[in-house]
Amino acid sequence: MAKANEERKKVKDDLINRLERLGAADTANLDRVEKYMDLWDLAREYVKDRETRGLYVKEPNGNGVLTNKLNASATELVKVCAQMDKLYNSIQGAKPKPASEDEADEL
């Protein structure tokens, strides 16, 4: 568990550092990082479930007979990864926050 927390912290810190280097570490972009990390946690849970229960699981059909069905975690993982890619690209493409008039006056 500690290793997973360490890895999570590294990923989050890396994303925040990228935003800081771009000069785009504002509230909206930091919120994107939080959403990305929520999805990252969810993806890890789906992977654990797939590793534990397998790609196919026995579930009862409408008649109560057990049949092999695709583990829902497998299909949900694909959707979560797609959303993570979108958020990652929006973080990567973040633009620096324009200087406000107050900041421009200070210069």
Protein backbone atom coordinates (compact mmCIF):
# COMPACT_ATOMS: atom_id res chain seq x y z
CA MET A 1 0.00 0.00 0.00
CA ALA A 2 2.85 2.38 0.81
CA LYS A 3 4.35 1.76 -2.62
CA ALA A 4 1.04 2.70 -4.30
CA ASN A 5 0.82 5.90 -2.23
CA GLU A 6 4.41 6.73 -3.14
CA GLU A 7 3.70 6.18 -6.83
CA ARG A 8 0.52 8.27 -6.61
CA LYS A 9 2.44 11.12 -4.98
CA LYS A 10 5.10 10.99 -7.70
CA VAL A 11 2.48 11.18 -10.47
CA LYS A 12 0.64 14.06 -8.80
CA ASP A 13 3.85 15.96 -8.04
CA ASP A 14 5.02 15.50 -11.63
CA LEU A 15 1.78 16.93 -13.02
CA ILE A 16 1.91 19.90 -10.64
CA ASN A 17 5.57 20.53 -11.48
CA ARG A 18 4.71 20.58 -15.19
CA LEU A 19 2.01 23.18 -14.55
CA GLU A 20 4.40 25.26 -12.48
CA ARG A 21 7.04 25.16 -15.24
CA LEU A 22 4.38 26.31 -17.71
CA GLY A 23 3.31 29.09 -15.33
CA ALA A 24 -0.16 27.56 -15.36
CA ALA A 25 -0.54 26.26 -11.80
CA ASP A 26 -3.80 28.12 -11.18
CA THR A 27 -6.85 26.80 -9.34
CA ALA A 28 -8.59 25.46 -12.44
CA ASN A 29 -5.55 23.50 -13.61
CA LEU A 30 -4.78 22.18 -10.13
CA ASP A 31 -8.39 20.98 -10.01
CA ARG A 32 -7.73 19.09 -13.26
CA VAL A 33 -4.80 17.38 -11.56
CA GLU A 34 -7.07 16.34 -8.67
CA LYS A 35 -9.64 14.94 -11.12
CA TYR A 36 -6.88 13.11 -12.97
CA MET A 37 -5.69 11.57 -9.71
CA ASP A 38 -9.24 10.49 -8.81
CA LEU A 39 -9.41 8.69 -12.15
CA TRP A 40 -5.92 7.27 -11.56
CA ASP A 41 -7.15 5.76 -8.27
CA LEU A 42 -10.23 4.34 -9.97
CA ALA A 43 -8.15 2.81 -12.78
CA ARG A 44 -5.90 1.10 -10.22
CA GLU A 45 -8.98 -0.38 -8.52
CA TYR A 46 -10.27 -1.72 -11.84
CA VAL A 47 -6.89 -3.30 -12.55
CA LYS A 48 -6.85 -4.92 -9.09
CA ASP A 49 -10.36 -6.28 -9.63
CA ARG A 50 -9.43 -7.70 -13.02
CA GLU A 51 -6.30 -9.30 -11.54
CA THR A 52 -8.29 -10.75 -8.63
CA ARG A 53 -11.45 -11.96 -10.39
CA GLY A 54 -10.08 -12.35 -13.91
CA LEU A 55 -11.18 -11.03 -17.27
CA TYR A 56 -14.32 -13.18 -17.21
CA VAL A 57 -16.53 -13.70 -14.16
CA LYS A 58 -19.42 -16.03 -13.47
CA GLU A 59 -22.65 -14.13 -13.08
CA PRO A 60 -26.27 -15.29 -13.12
CA ASN A 61 -28.24 -14.54 -16.27
CA GLY A 62 -31.96 -13.69 -16.31
CA ASN A 63 -32.87 -17.33 -15.60
CA GLY A 64 -30.49 -17.58 -12.64
CA VAL A 65 -28.00 -19.76 -14.52
CA LEU A 66 -24.35 -18.87 -13.97
CA THR A 67 -22.64 -17.81 -17.18
CA ASN A 68 -19.24 -16.36 -18.00
CA LYS A 69 -19.41 -12.64 -18.62
CA LEU A 70 -16.76 -10.05 -19.27
CA ASN A 71 -15.68 -8.45 -16.01
CA ALA A 72 -17.23 -4.96 -15.96
CA SER A 73 -13.93 -3.62 -14.61
CA ALA A 74 -12.32 -4.38 -17.96
CA THR A 75 -14.75 -2.27 -19.97
CA GLU A 76 -14.87 0.51 -17.37
CA LEU A 77 -11.06 0.65 -17.32
CA VAL A 78 -11.04 1.50 -21.02
CA LYS A 79 -13.46 4.38 -20.42
CA VAL A 80 -11.51 5.69 -17.44
CA CYS A 81 -8.22 5.55 -19.36
CA ALA A 82 -9.78 7.50 -22.23
CA GLN A 83 -10.95 10.21 -19.84
CA MET A 84 -7.53 10.26 -18.18
CA ASP A 85 -5.93 10.83 -21.59
CA LYS A 86 -8.22 13.80 -22.20
CA LEU A 87 -7.42 15.33 -18.83
CA TYR A 88 -3.70 14.68 -19.27
CA ASN A 89 -3.73 16.41 -22.64
CA SER A 90 -5.57 19.39 -21.17
CA ILE A 91 -2.97 19.60 -18.40
CA GLN A 92 -0.13 19.32 -20.93
CA GLY A 93 -1.70 22.02 -23.08
CA ALA A 94 -2.32 24.40 -20.20
CA LYS A 95 -1.48 28.00 -20.98
CA PRO A 96 0.06 30.43 -18.52
CA LYS A 97 -2.47 32.47 -16.63
CA PRO A 98 -2.51 36.00 -18.07
CA ALA A 99 -1.21 38.64 -15.70
CA SER A 100 -3.97 40.58 -14.03
CA GLU A 101 -3.98 44.38 -14.19
CA ASP A 102 -2.81 44.50 -10.55
CA GLU A 103 0.20 42.31 -11.33
CA ALA A 104 0.99 44.33 -14.45
CA ASP A 105 0.97 47.55 -12.35
CA GLU A 106 3.51 46.02 -9.96
CA LEU A 107 5.94 45.41 -12.83
